[in-house]
Protein backbone atom coordinates (compact mmCIF):
# COMPACT_ATOMS: atom_id res chain seq x y z
CA UNK A 1 248.95 6.99 78.41
CA UNK A 2 251.71 8.55 76.41
CA UNK A 3 255.49 8.44 76.12
CA UNK A 4 258.41 10.10 74.38
CA UNK A 5 261.63 8.71 72.96
CA UNK A 6 264.73 10.28 71.45
CA UNK A 7 266.62 8.17 68.93
CA UNK A 8 270.35 8.90 68.63
CA UNK A 9 273.56 6.96 67.63
CA UNK A 10 275.13 4.99 70.52
CA UNK A 11 278.23 7.14 70.51
CA UNK A 12 276.08 10.21 71.23
CA UNK A 13 273.85 8.63 73.89
CA UNK A 14 275.03 10.90 76.65
CA UNK A 15 273.39 11.43 80.00
CA UNK A 16 272.14 14.80 78.75
CA UNK A 17 269.79 13.03 76.36
CA UNK A 18 268.28 11.04 79.22
CA UNK A 19 267.76 14.21 81.23
CA UNK A 20 266.11 15.83 78.21
CA UNK A 21 263.71 12.89 77.79
CA UNK A 22 262.77 13.03 81.47
CA UNK A 23 262.16 16.80 81.30
CA UNK A 24 259.94 16.62 78.22
CA UNK A 25 258.00 13.67 79.66
CA UNK A 26 257.47 15.64 82.86
CA UNK A 27 256.08 18.58 80.86
CA UNK A 28 253.69 16.27 79.00
CA UNK A 29 252.53 14.73 82.27
CA UNK A 30 251.86 18.17 83.75
CA UNK A 31 249.98 19.27 80.66
CA UNK A 32 247.77 16.16 80.56
CA UNK A 33 247.12 16.33 84.29
CA UNK A 34 246.22 20.02 84.06
CA UNK A 35 243.78 19.37 81.22
CA UNK A 36 242.16 16.40 82.97
CA UNK A 37 241.66 18.18 86.29
CA UNK A 38 240.34 21.37 84.78
CA UNK A 39 238.02 19.49 82.41
CA UNK A 40 236.46 17.58 85.34
CA UNK A 41 236.02 20.86 87.22
CA UNK A 42 234.45 22.60 84.24
CA UNK A 43 231.97 19.81 83.53
CA UNK A 44 230.47 20.10 87.00
CA UNK A 45 228.95 23.42 86.00
CA UNK A 46 226.39 21.69 83.77
CA UNK A 47 226.79 24.47 81.20
CA UNK A 48 228.03 24.57 77.64
CA UNK A 49 231.84 24.67 77.71
CA UNK A 50 234.27 26.22 75.26
CA UNK A 51 237.99 26.36 76.10
CA UNK A 52 239.96 28.76 73.89
CA UNK A 53 243.78 28.62 73.94
CA UNK A 54 245.88 31.43 72.44
CA UNK A 55 249.38 29.89 72.81
CA UNK A 56 249.16 26.55 71.01
CA UNK A 57 249.34 28.00 67.51
CA UNK A 58 250.86 31.40 66.94
CA UNK A 59 248.32 33.87 65.62
CA UNK A 60 245.35 31.56 66.17
CA UNK A 61 242.95 30.89 69.01
CA UNK A 62 242.33 27.16 69.14
CA UNK A 63 239.23 25.45 70.55
CA UNK A 64 240.89 22.88 72.80
CA UNK A 65 237.75 21.57 74.53
CA UNK A 66 233.96 21.69 74.14
CA UNK A 67 231.06 19.55 75.28
CA UNK A 68 227.67 18.47 73.90
CA UNK A 69 225.82 21.04 76.00
CA UNK A 70 227.63 23.84 74.17
CA UNK A 71 226.07 22.82 70.88
CA UNK A 72 222.63 22.43 72.48
CA UNK A 73 222.82 25.99 73.83
CA UNK A 74 224.06 27.37 70.50
CA UNK A 75 221.60 25.33 68.48
CA UNK A 76 224.23 23.96 66.06
CA UNK A 77 225.70 20.54 65.27
CA UNK A 78 229.20 19.53 66.31
CA UNK A 79 231.21 19.34 63.11
CA UNK A 80 234.50 18.37 64.70
CA UNK A 81 235.41 21.85 65.99
CA UNK A 82 237.75 20.61 68.73
CA UNK A 83 241.38 21.30 67.86
CA UNK A 84 240.43 23.83 65.19
CA UNK A 85 240.33 27.65 65.29
CA UNK A 86 237.50 29.06 67.41
CA UNK A 87 236.70 31.42 64.53
CA UNK A 88 235.29 28.47 62.57
CA UNK A 89 232.45 28.31 65.13
CA UNK A 90 232.22 31.91 66.38
CA UNK A 91 232.48 34.63 63.75
CA UNK A 92 235.82 36.53 63.96
CA UNK A 93 236.31 40.27 64.41
CA UNK A 94 234.78 42.74 63.76
CA UNK A 95 231.81 40.56 64.84
CA UNK A 96 231.55 39.38 68.45
CA UNK A 97 233.86 42.12 69.73
CA UNK A 98 233.04 41.40 73.38
CA UNK A 99 233.73 37.66 73.01
CA UNK A 100 237.17 38.19 71.49
CA UNK A 101 237.99 40.93 74.00
CA UNK A 102 237.42 38.51 76.90
CA UNK A 103 239.91 36.07 75.35
CA UNK A 104 242.55 38.61 74.41
CA UNK A 105 242.59 40.32 77.80
CA UNK A 106 241.99 37.31 80.08
CA UNK A 107 238.84 38.87 81.55
CA UNK A 108 236.47 37.21 83.99
CA UNK A 109 232.72 37.88 83.86
CA UNK A 110 229.65 36.36 85.52
CA UNK A 111 226.27 35.81 83.86
CA UNK A 112 226.83 38.50 81.23
CA UNK A 113 224.26 38.78 78.48
CA UNK A 114 225.95 38.32 75.09
CA UNK A 115 224.43 38.03 71.61
CA UNK A 116 226.79 35.61 69.85
CA UNK A 117 226.97 35.72 66.05
CA UNK A 118 227.56 32.35 64.40
CA UNK A 119 227.73 31.55 60.70
CA UNK A 120 224.00 31.48 60.05
CA UNK A 121 222.40 32.83 63.20
CA UNK A 122 222.72 35.02 66.27
CA UNK A 123 222.16 33.32 69.61
CA UNK A 124 221.36 35.13 72.86
CA UNK A 125 223.57 33.69 75.59
CA UNK A 126 224.43 34.21 79.22
CA UNK A 127 228.21 33.95 79.54
CA UNK A 128 230.60 33.42 82.43
CA UNK A 129 234.36 33.04 82.00
CA UNK A 130 237.48 31.88 83.79
CA UNK A 131 240.89 33.04 82.52
CA UNK A 132 244.00 30.85 82.67
CA UNK A 133 247.67 31.40 81.88
CA UNK A 134 250.39 28.76 82.34
CA UNK A 135 253.40 29.73 80.16
CA UNK A 136 255.48 26.83 81.52
CA UNK A 137 253.25 24.40 79.67
CA UNK A 138 252.42 26.85 76.88
CA UNK A 139 248.76 27.36 77.64
CA UNK A 140 246.77 30.56 78.04
CA UNK A 141 243.27 31.64 77.19
CA UNK A 142 239.74 31.51 78.58
CA UNK A 143 237.08 29.01 79.61
CA UNK A 144 233.57 30.03 78.54
CA UNK A 145 230.46 28.76 80.31
CA UNK A 146 227.44 29.19 78.05
CA UNK A 147 223.80 29.01 79.05
CA UNK A 148 220.59 30.88 78.20
CA UNK A 149 217.60 32.27 80.04
CA UNK A 150 215.51 29.15 79.63
CA UNK A 151 218.29 26.79 80.68
CA UNK A 152 219.06 28.89 83.74
CA UNK A 153 215.41 29.05 84.77
CA UNK A 154 215.22 25.26 84.45
CA UNK A 155 218.27 24.88 86.69
CA UNK A 156 216.74 27.09 89.36
CA UNK A 157 213.36 25.39 88.99
CA UNK A 158 214.94 21.99 89.60
CA UNK A 159 216.23 23.30 92.92
CA UNK A 160 212.86 24.72 93.97
CA UNK A 161 211.10 21.57 92.67
CA UNK A 162 207.64 21.16 91.18
CA UNK A 163 205.16 22.86 93.48
CA UNK A 164 202.20 20.81 92.22
CA UNK A 165 201.40 17.84 94.47
CA UNK A 166 197.66 17.43 93.82
CA UNK A 167 196.12 15.36 91.05
CA UNK A 168 192.55 14.76 89.93
CA UNK A 169 192.39 11.79 92.31
CA UNK A 170 192.52 14.35 95.14
CA UNK A 171 189.23 15.89 93.99
CA UNK A 172 186.66 14.10 96.16
CA UNK A 173 183.02 13.95 95.14
CA UNK A 174 180.39 11.97 93.26
CA UNK A 175 178.14 14.83 92.17
CA UNK A 176 177.40 14.52 88.41
CA UNK A 177 178.06 18.22 87.84
CA UNK A 178 181.44 17.90 89.57
CA UNK A 179 182.28 14.91 87.39
CA UNK A 180 181.56 17.03 84.33
CA UNK A 181 183.89 19.75 85.63
CA UNK A 182 186.66 17.18 86.15
CA UNK A 183 186.24 15.81 82.63
CA UNK A 184 186.37 19.33 81.24
CA UNK A 185 189.51 20.13 83.26
CA UNK A 186 191.24 16.98 82.00
CA UNK A 187 190.61 18.04 78.42
CA UNK A 188 192.00 21.48 79.23
CA UNK A 189 195.14 19.85 80.60
CA UNK A 190 195.88 18.43 77.16
CA UNK A 191 196.22 21.93 75.70
CA UNK A 192 198.68 24.78 76.17
CA UNK A 193 195.92 27.40 76.30
CA UNK A 194 195.51 29.77 79.23
CA UNK A 195 192.83 28.84 81.77
CA UNK A 196 190.75 30.98 84.12
CA UNK A 197 189.24 29.18 87.13
CA UNK A 198 186.23 30.90 88.70
CA UNK A 199 184.67 29.96 92.00
CA UNK A 200 184.04 31.03 95.55
CA UNK A 201 186.77 30.92 98.16
CA UNK A 202 187.40 27.39 99.38
CA UNK A 203 186.06 25.54 96.34
CA UNK A 204 189.47 24.08 95.44
CA UNK A 205 190.76 26.34 92.67
CA UNK A 206 194.37 25.67 93.70
CA UNK A 207 193.76 21.90 93.71
CA UNK A 208 192.37 22.01 90.17
CA UNK A 209 195.30 24.16 89.01
CA UNK A 210 197.81 21.62 90.34
CA UNK A 211 195.82 18.70 88.94
CA UNK A 212 195.67 20.31 85.49
CA UNK A 213 199.45 20.81 85.53
CA UNK A 214 200.12 17.23 86.63
CA UNK A 215 197.85 15.89 83.89
CA UNK A 216 199.57 17.96 81.20
CA UNK A 217 202.66 17.43 79.06
CA UNK A 218 204.39 19.95 81.35
CA UNK A 219 204.05 17.72 84.42
CA UNK A 220 207.84 17.30 84.79
CA UNK A 221 208.43 21.04 84.49
CA UNK A 222 208.02 23.73 87.14
CA UNK A 223 204.70 24.68 88.70
CA UNK A 224 205.03 28.10 90.30
CA UNK A 225 202.13 29.59 92.27
CA UNK A 226 201.80 33.20 93.34
CA UNK A 227 198.96 34.78 95.31
CA UNK A 228 198.35 38.19 93.77
CA UNK A 229 196.39 39.28 96.82
CA UNK A 230 199.07 38.41 99.38
CA UNK A 231 202.04 40.34 97.95
CA UNK A 232 202.45 44.07 98.67
CA UNK A 233 201.77 46.21 95.62
CA UNK A 234 205.33 47.62 95.59
CA UNK A 235 206.87 44.14 95.44
CA UNK A 236 204.51 42.41 93.04
CA UNK A 237 206.19 43.58 89.83
CA UNK A 238 209.63 42.40 90.92
CA UNK A 239 208.13 39.10 92.12
CA UNK A 240 206.48 38.47 88.77
CA UNK A 241 209.10 39.80 86.38
CA UNK A 242 212.37 39.92 88.39
CA UNK A 243 214.95 42.68 88.54
CA UNK A 244 218.47 43.35 87.32
CA UNK A 245 221.53 43.97 89.49
CA UNK A 246 221.59 47.42 91.06
CA UNK A 247 217.88 48.06 90.65
CA UNK A 248 217.18 48.09 94.38
CA UNK A 249 219.26 49.07 97.37
CA UNK A 250 219.75 45.86 99.29
CA UNK A 251 218.68 43.70 96.34
CA UNK A 252 220.64 40.65 95.25
CA UNK A 253 224.00 41.50 93.77
CA UNK A 254 223.33 39.64 90.52
CA UNK A 255 219.66 40.56 90.29
CA UNK A 256 216.81 38.12 90.68
CA UNK A 257 214.65 35.98 88.42
CA UNK A 258 210.91 36.58 88.45
CA UNK A 259 208.22 33.94 88.81
CA UNK A 260 207.60 33.88 85.04
CA UNK A 261 211.25 33.00 84.39
CA UNK A 262 211.17 30.34 87.09
CA UNK A 263 208.07 28.80 85.55
CA UNK A 264 209.44 28.80 82.00
CA UNK A 265 208.69 25.47 80.37
CA UNK A 266 205.99 24.75 82.93
CA UNK A 267 202.95 26.40 84.49
CA UNK A 268 202.42 29.57 86.49
CA UNK A 269 199.36 29.80 88.72
CA UNK A 270 198.16 33.36 89.36
CA UNK A 271 195.78 33.01 92.29
CA UNK A 272 193.46 35.90 93.22
CA UNK A 273 194.17 37.56 89.87
CA UNK A 274 191.36 40.03 90.56
CA UNK A 275 193.52 41.65 93.25
CA UNK A 276 196.21 42.69 90.78
CA UNK A 277 196.59 46.51 90.40
CA UNK A 278 195.55 48.00 87.06
CA UNK A 279 199.04 49.21 86.13
CA UNK A 280 200.43 45.69 86.56
CA UNK A 281 197.54 44.26 84.56
CA UNK A 282 198.80 46.23 81.55
CA UNK A 283 202.30 44.76 81.95
CA UNK A 284 200.90 41.29 82.44
CA UNK A 285 198.90 41.67 79.24
CA UNK A 286 202.11 42.29 77.28
CA UNK A 287 203.69 39.21 78.80
CA UNK A 288 200.68 37.08 77.92
CA UNK A 289 200.62 38.38 74.34
CA UNK A 290 204.36 38.38 73.59
CA UNK A 291 205.57 35.51 75.79
CA UNK A 292 208.41 37.79 76.91
CA UNK A 293 209.26 39.55 80.16
CA UNK A 294 211.52 42.47 80.90
CA UNK A 295 213.05 42.66 84.34
CA UNK A 296 212.88 45.82 86.38
CA UNK A 297 215.91 47.87 85.45
CA UNK A 298 216.54 45.68 82.40
CA UNK A 299 216.90 46.55 78.73
CA UNK A 300 216.21 43.24 77.04
CA UNK A 301 213.23 40.96 76.57
CA UNK A 302 213.51 37.44 77.99
CA UNK A 303 211.56 34.69 76.25
CA UNK A 304 209.33 32.62 78.52
CA UNK A 305 207.30 29.54 77.65
CA UNK A 306 204.59 29.24 80.29
CA UNK A 307 201.05 28.00 80.55
CA UNK A 308 199.05 30.47 82.64
CA UNK A 309 196.32 29.33 85.01
CA UNK A 310 194.60 32.23 86.74
CA UNK A 311 191.91 32.08 89.42
CA UNK A 312 189.64 34.45 91.29
CA UNK A 313 186.70 34.30 93.68
CA UNK A 314 185.60 37.83 92.74
CA UNK A 315 182.84 38.51 90.23
CA UNK A 316 185.13 39.31 87.31
CA UNK A 317 182.32 40.83 85.23
CA UNK A 318 181.55 43.32 87.99
CA UNK A 319 185.26 44.15 88.18
CA UNK A 320 185.30 44.79 84.43
CA UNK A 321 182.13 46.87 84.62
CA UNK A 322 183.69 48.96 87.39
CA UNK A 323 186.90 49.31 85.34
CA UNK A 324 188.92 47.57 88.04
CA UNK A 325 189.97 44.75 85.71
CA UNK A 326 191.03 45.04 82.08
CA UNK A 327 188.62 43.40 79.68
CA UNK A 328 191.38 42.61 77.16
CA UNK A 329 193.41 40.85 79.85
CA UNK A 330 190.33 38.87 80.89
CA UNK A 331 189.89 37.51 77.37
CA UNK A 332 193.60 36.70 77.09
CA UNK A 333 193.58 34.76 80.36
CA UNK A 334 190.24 33.05 79.81
CA UNK A 335 190.86 31.21 76.57
CA UNK A 336 189.34 28.35 78.56
CA UNK A 337 187.17 28.81 81.64
CA UNK A 338 186.40 26.48 84.50
CA UNK A 339 183.55 27.23 86.93
CA UNK A 340 183.78 25.44 90.29
CA UNK A 341 180.48 25.06 92.11
CA UNK A 342 180.12 25.88 95.80
CA UNK A 343 179.67 23.03 98.27
CA UNK A 344 176.04 24.00 98.98
CA UNK A 345 175.23 23.14 95.36
CA UNK A 346 176.53 19.59 95.71
CA UNK A 347 175.24 18.66 99.13
CA UNK A 348 175.39 14.99 98.27
CA UNK A 349 179.17 15.23 98.63
CA UNK A 350 179.21 16.83 102.10
CA UNK A 351 179.17 13.58 104.09
CA UNK A 352 181.54 11.93 101.63
CA UNK A 353 184.03 14.76 102.14
CA UNK A 354 183.52 14.81 105.89
CA UNK A 355 184.36 11.09 106.20
CA UNK A 356 187.36 11.55 103.89
CA UNK A 357 188.75 14.38 106.05
CA UNK A 358 188.11 12.39 109.25
CA UNK A 359 190.22 9.52 107.90
CA UNK A 360 193.00 11.79 106.59
CA UNK A 361 193.34 13.74 109.86
CA UNK A 362 193.22 10.55 111.92
CA UNK A 363 196.00 8.99 109.83
CA UNK A 364 198.14 12.11 110.11
CA UNK A 365 197.92 12.40 113.91
CA UNK A 366 198.09 8.64 114.49
CA UNK A 367 194.57 8.29 115.89
CA UNK A 368 193.49 4.66 115.64
CA UNK A 369 189.77 5.07 116.35
CA UNK A 370 187.95 6.71 113.44
CA UNK A 371 185.04 8.96 114.47
CA UNK A 372 181.64 8.09 113.07
CA UNK A 373 179.22 10.84 112.09
CA UNK A 374 176.05 10.76 114.21
CA UNK A 375 172.61 11.19 112.55
CA UNK A 376 172.05 14.62 114.12
CA UNK A 377 175.44 15.80 112.76
CA UNK A 378 174.57 14.49 109.30
CA UNK A 379 171.30 16.41 109.32
CA UNK A 380 173.02 19.56 110.54
CA UNK A 381 175.76 19.34 107.90
CA UNK A 382 173.16 18.96 105.16
CA UNK A 383 171.28 22.05 106.38
CA UNK A 384 174.31 24.34 106.68
CA UNK A 385 175.20 26.77 103.90
CA UNK A 386 178.99 26.22 104.02
CA UNK A 387 179.93 29.69 102.82
CA UNK A 388 183.58 28.72 103.27
CA UNK A 389 182.95 25.67 101.07
CA UNK A 390 185.24 22.63 101.17
CA UNK A 391 187.95 24.51 103.05
CA UNK A 392 185.52 25.38 105.85
CA UNK A 393 184.37 21.78 106.12
CA UNK A 394 187.96 20.54 106.15
CA UNK A 395 189.01 22.96 108.88
CA UNK A 396 185.96 22.11 111.01
CA UNK A 397 186.62 18.36 110.77
CA UNK A 398 190.32 18.81 111.58
CA UNK A 399 189.43 20.82 114.67
CA UNK A 400 186.88 18.29 115.94
CA UNK A 401 189.00 15.18 115.29
CA UNK A 402 191.97 16.64 117.17
CA UNK A 403 190.04 18.15 120.09
CA UNK A 404 187.57 15.39 120.96
CA UNK A 405 188.41 11.78 121.92
CA UNK A 406 184.77 10.75 121.33
CA UNK A 407 183.96 7.91 118.96
CA UNK A 408 181.07 9.84 117.40
CA UNK A 409 180.95 13.26 115.79
CA UNK A 410 177.72 14.94 116.90
CA UNK A 411 175.83 18.12 116.14
CA UNK A 412 177.06 19.49 119.47
CA UNK A 413 180.67 19.23 118.26
CA UNK A 414 179.76 21.26 115.19
CA UNK A 415 177.88 23.96 117.11
CA UNK A 416 180.68 24.29 119.65
CA UNK A 417 183.20 25.05 116.88
CA UNK A 418 181.23 27.37 114.62
CA UNK A 419 180.68 31.02 115.47
CA UNK A 420 176.91 31.57 115.67
CA UNK A 421 177.09 34.64 113.44
CA UNK A 422 178.75 32.63 110.68
CA UNK A 423 176.76 32.71 107.44
CA UNK A 424 177.37 28.96 107.15
CA UNK A 425 174.72 28.21 109.78
CA UNK A 426 172.05 30.17 107.92
CA UNK A 427 169.34 27.86 106.65
CA UNK A 428 167.24 28.16 103.54
CA UNK A 429 164.49 29.97 105.46
CA UNK A 430 166.82 32.64 106.81
CA UNK A 431 167.09 31.25 110.34
CA UNK A 432 170.05 29.75 112.14
CA UNK A 433 170.67 26.29 113.50
CA UNK A 434 170.39 26.37 117.26
CA UNK A 435 170.49 23.49 119.74
CA UNK A 436 167.07 22.23 118.70
CA UNK A 437 167.28 23.11 115.02
CA UNK A 438 166.37 26.30 113.12
CA UNK A 439 165.74 29.41 115.22
CA UNK A 440 164.99 32.95 114.21
CA UNK A 441 167.71 35.54 113.85
CA UNK A 442 171.21 35.86 112.50
CA UNK A 443 174.23 37.02 114.49
CA UNK A 444 174.30 40.63 113.27
CA UNK A 445 170.65 41.09 112.28
CA UNK A 446 169.07 44.31 113.48
CA UNK A 447 165.34 44.82 114.19
CA UNK A 448 165.03 46.48 110.80
CA UNK A 449 165.93 43.17 109.18
CA UNK A 450 163.08 41.24 110.82
CA UNK A 451 160.33 40.40 108.39
CA UNK A 452 162.20 41.88 105.44
CA UNK A 453 161.58 40.04 102.21
CA UNK A 454 165.26 40.27 101.33
CA UNK A 455 167.38 39.83 104.45
CA UNK A 456 170.92 38.79 105.23
CA UNK A 457 170.06 35.12 105.07
CA UNK A 458 168.09 35.04 101.85
CA UNK A 459 169.20 37.87 99.57
CA UNK A 460 171.11 36.41 96.66
CA UNK A 461 174.17 37.58 94.83
CA UNK A 462 172.18 38.09 91.65
CA UNK A 463 169.66 40.30 93.48
CA UNK A 464 172.47 42.47 94.82
CA UNK A 465 174.12 42.83 91.40
CA UNK A 466 170.78 43.66 89.79
CA UNK A 467 170.06 46.30 92.44
CA UNK A 468 173.51 47.84 91.99
CA UNK A 469 173.05 48.02 88.23
CA UNK A 470 169.56 49.52 88.58
CA UNK A 471 170.79 52.12 91.08
CA UNK A 472 173.83 53.15 89.06
CA UNK A 473 176.19 51.33 91.48
CA UNK A 474 174.94 53.51 94.37
CA UNK A 475 175.22 51.12 97.29
CA UNK A 476 173.05 53.09 99.69
CA UNK A 477 170.17 53.16 97.21
CA UNK A 478 170.66 49.50 96.37
CA UNK A 479 170.52 48.55 100.05
CA UNK A 480 167.37 50.65 100.49
CA UNK A 481 165.76 49.05 97.44
CA UNK A 482 166.47 45.58 98.82
CA UNK A 483 165.27 46.54 102.29
CA UNK A 484 168.62 45.77 103.89
CA UNK A 485 170.45 48.03 106.37
CA UNK A 486 173.64 49.42 104.89
CA UNK A 487 175.84 47.61 107.43
CA UNK A 488 174.30 44.29 106.52
CA UNK A 489 174.42 45.16 102.81
CA UNK A 490 178.17 45.87 102.94
CA UNK A 491 178.79 42.66 104.83
CA UNK A 492 176.91 40.80 102.12
CA UNK A 493 178.98 42.50 99.41
CA UNK A 494 182.14 41.33 101.12
CA UNK A 495 180.72 37.85 101.56
CA UNK A 496 180.07 37.57 97.81
CA UNK A 497 183.45 39.08 96.91
CA UNK A 498 181.83 42.03 95.15
CA UNK A 499 184.04 44.52 97.01
């Protein structure tokens, strides 16, 4: 509320004075209304605001409005700058030439990188502006929207949400060794150190990564996961580190943030890290060491604060030995290591997991009757190798629960939904589980395999690695030494993730 009055002697109280009062009051109303509306509009941006007016005081640029976020972005305290010259906050010319040029020439920019020199520091900012000019109410200047890389990545991350939904309560099992792994992972969650999770495919590396994030101090920050084996080589660098405007034909007009920027303040999960090309490993090493990324086509380093959790099902030591993975990157990523055991090494949890998955699938599809596991199915499950680990068991149970209306899950259901050549039905004696139990032969075994001391069902990963090392990594000689046909040997390499 405001008003204006003109005091004059009665004999001079003409109608002109009344008209003058009305005109000035109208100007004040317009000015206040303009400021109120524009201020509400500006504040919706969520950025640091600085409104600079060049017409209020001749020869000075006055800071007519600012908010608390401005001082958070600039890292300074508000010392009553509103209504005072902008130069008291932002150093005058010849410093900050670009800043003062935007004001003087009413220029509009979007997300422009600008180092801003203050009294005692220089702050890297991302700046957008709106220009305004209303001579009728004596106002002209620019509205500055200030943010920084971290703030912007947080804004985007809020929109994409936290991708971690699993916690340690989602890790099912009573095996003592598994309990030790969980306790170790919980202690890791209390640190900001990088973690490397090792384990076969299907052992739950992604579940542990999410659980570690949700048990950490970063739980309310972004969790961004990227599968290094699922992204084409040509796109992986831009996915990880982003790109600037104009880098690619058909790319986003304003460029694009990479996954490291999106995860800033939180956690990035690099799944299948062993699939990353060597040239990108060198760039990733710099990011891990410096905590900075440079976008494709960019000229500046962007600070990122991320906890890195990497995972692989490949024998990382073999990769290093074969010079397919950088040893220095391995040590940078594996400040802490977590080894997840395969399901066949905690067979006491198989039935526990099977019943858990039966209940979960039944709840999801609205099935009221819960299947019970028959004795023959229990025995079969305990004998199977489960090369696909927990994921294989989960998929099998989901298939059976949805396909069969029976009240009991039997061995026949399992056999009907597992391919006979699957390594999971290989038993400890090298046979397979037929209708009446173990029978000789494996799906792709050739006559040359029969009677071999080291065949497809029994040869171990360690034996293969030892043979490769002894034969100078010559696979044909290693297969011959183990008494395995080359076709079977290569299949076994793939099964163990050695190739």
